[in-house]
C-alpha atoms as a PDB file:
ATOM      1  CA  MET A   1      -0.316   5.620   1.550  1.00  0.00           C
ATOM      2  CA  GLU A   2      -3.243   8.311   1.975  1.00  0.00           C
ATOM      3  CA  ALA A   3      -1.294  10.333   3.132  1.00  0.00           C
ATOM      4  CA  ASN A   4       1.042  10.126  -0.171  1.00  0.00           C
ATOM      5  CA  GLY A   5      -1.631  10.995  -2.172  1.00  0.00           C
ATOM      6  CA  PHE A   6      -3.554   7.351  -2.758  1.00  0.00           C
ATOM      7  CA  TYR A   7      -6.959   6.267  -2.145  1.00  0.00           C
ATOM      8  CA  PHE A   8      -9.135   2.654  -1.635  1.00  0.00           C
ATOM      9  CA  LYS A   9     -10.192   2.363  -4.775  1.00  0.00           C
ATOM     10  CA  ARG A  10     -11.878  -1.562  -3.667  1.00  0.00           C
ATOM     11  CA  ALA A  11     -10.993  -4.744  -2.531  1.00  0.00           C
ATOM     12  CA  LYS A  12     -11.804  -8.184  -3.533  1.00  0.00           C
ATOM     13  CA  GLY A  13     -11.374 -11.156  -1.130  1.00  0.00           C
ATOM     14  CA  SER A  14      -8.591 -10.306   1.347  1.00  0.00           C
ATOM     15  CA  HIS A  15      -7.144  -7.821  -0.757  1.00  0.00           C
ATOM     16  CA  GLN A  16      -7.386  -4.096  -0.648  1.00  0.00           C
ATOM     17  CA  LEU A  17      -6.792  -2.000  -4.118  1.00  0.00           C
ATOM     18  CA  TYR A  18      -4.928   2.101  -3.415  1.00  0.00           C
ATOM     19  CA  TYR A  19      -5.295   3.931  -6.704  1.00  0.00           C
ATOM     20  CA  ASN A  20      -3.306   7.477  -6.970  1.00  0.00           C
ATOM     21  CA  SER A  21      -4.497   9.811  -9.768  1.00  0.00           C
ATOM     22  CA  GLN A  22      -1.769  12.024  -9.732  1.00  0.00           C
ATOM     23  CA  THR A  23       0.875   9.252 -10.633  1.00  0.00           C
ATOM     24  CA  ASN A  24      -1.675   6.826 -12.464  1.00  0.00           C
ATOM     25  CA  VAL A  25      -0.698   4.348  -9.736  1.00  0.00           C
ATOM     26  CA  THR A  26      -2.839   1.208  -8.717  1.00  0.00           C
ATOM     27  CA  ILE A  27      -1.117  -0.836  -5.526  1.00  0.00           C
ATOM     28  CA  ILE A  28      -2.703  -3.985  -3.798  1.00  0.00           C
ATOM     29  CA  VAL A  29      -2.238  -4.687  -0.417  1.00  0.00           C
ATOM     30  CA  PRO A  30      -3.249  -8.033   1.096  1.00  0.00           C
ATOM     31  CA  ILE A  31      -4.606  -8.134   4.513  1.00  0.00           C
ATOM     32  CA  HIS A  32      -5.031 -11.705   6.101  1.00  0.00           C
ATOM     33  CA  GLY A  33      -6.780 -11.297   9.375  1.00  0.00           C
ATOM     34  CA  GLY A  34      -4.951 -10.497  11.913  1.00  0.00           C
ATOM     35  CA  LYS A  35      -1.478 -11.469  10.900  1.00  0.00           C
ATOM     36  CA  ASP A  36       0.979  -9.264  10.395  1.00  0.00           C
ATOM     37  CA  MET A  37       2.556  -8.316   6.814  1.00  0.00           C
ATOM     38  CA  LYS A  38       6.191  -9.933   6.081  1.00  0.00           C
ATOM     39  CA  LYS A  39       8.645  -7.453   6.001  1.00  0.00           C
ATOM     40  CA  GLY A  40       9.366  -8.498   2.251  1.00  0.00           C
ATOM     41  CA  THR A  41       5.754  -7.376   1.206  1.00  0.00           C
ATOM     42  CA  PHE A  42       5.812  -4.399   3.406  1.00  0.00           C
ATOM     43  CA  LEU A  43       9.341  -2.720   1.315  1.00  0.00           C
ATOM     44  CA  THR A  44       7.981  -4.004  -1.879  1.00  0.00           C
ATOM     45  CA  ILE A  45       4.365  -1.785  -1.703  1.00  0.00           C
ATOM     46  CA  LEU A  46       6.509   1.161  -0.221  1.00  0.00           C
ATOM     47  CA  LYS A  47       8.953   0.802  -2.961  1.00  0.00           C
ATOM     48  CA  GLN A  48       5.880   0.790  -5.585  1.00  0.00           C
ATOM     49  CA  THR A  49       3.966   3.754  -4.076  1.00  0.00           C
ATOM     50  CA  GLY A  50       7.484   5.647  -4.551  1.00  0.00           C
ATOM     51  CA  ILE A  51       7.402   5.928  -0.095  1.00  0.00           C
ATOM     52  CA  ASP A  52      10.553   6.562   1.224  1.00  0.00           C
ATOM     53  CA  LYS A  53      11.564   3.720   4.189  1.00  0.00           C
ATOM     54  CA  ASN A  54      13.394   6.491   6.118  1.00  0.00           C
ATOM     55  CA  ASN A  55      11.005   8.591   6.452  1.00  0.00           C
ATOM     56  CA  LEU A  56       8.212   6.995   7.304  1.00  0.00           C
ATOM     57  CA  THR A  57       6.577   7.803  10.912  1.00  0.00           C
ATOM     58  CA  PHE A  58       5.037   5.013  13.422  1.00  0.00           C
END
């Protein structure tokens, strides 16, 4: 997300907030210890950010 203009704004508990000042979008990302994020949650976050899942590189 940082490569797409989002920057870490703050964290509260197990959630991190990222903000993009160009699009005025705030995204909440759940961080739950060592657990993997569920696929549906991941895809929803991508949709909210406007990042195309087909352009991801790992």
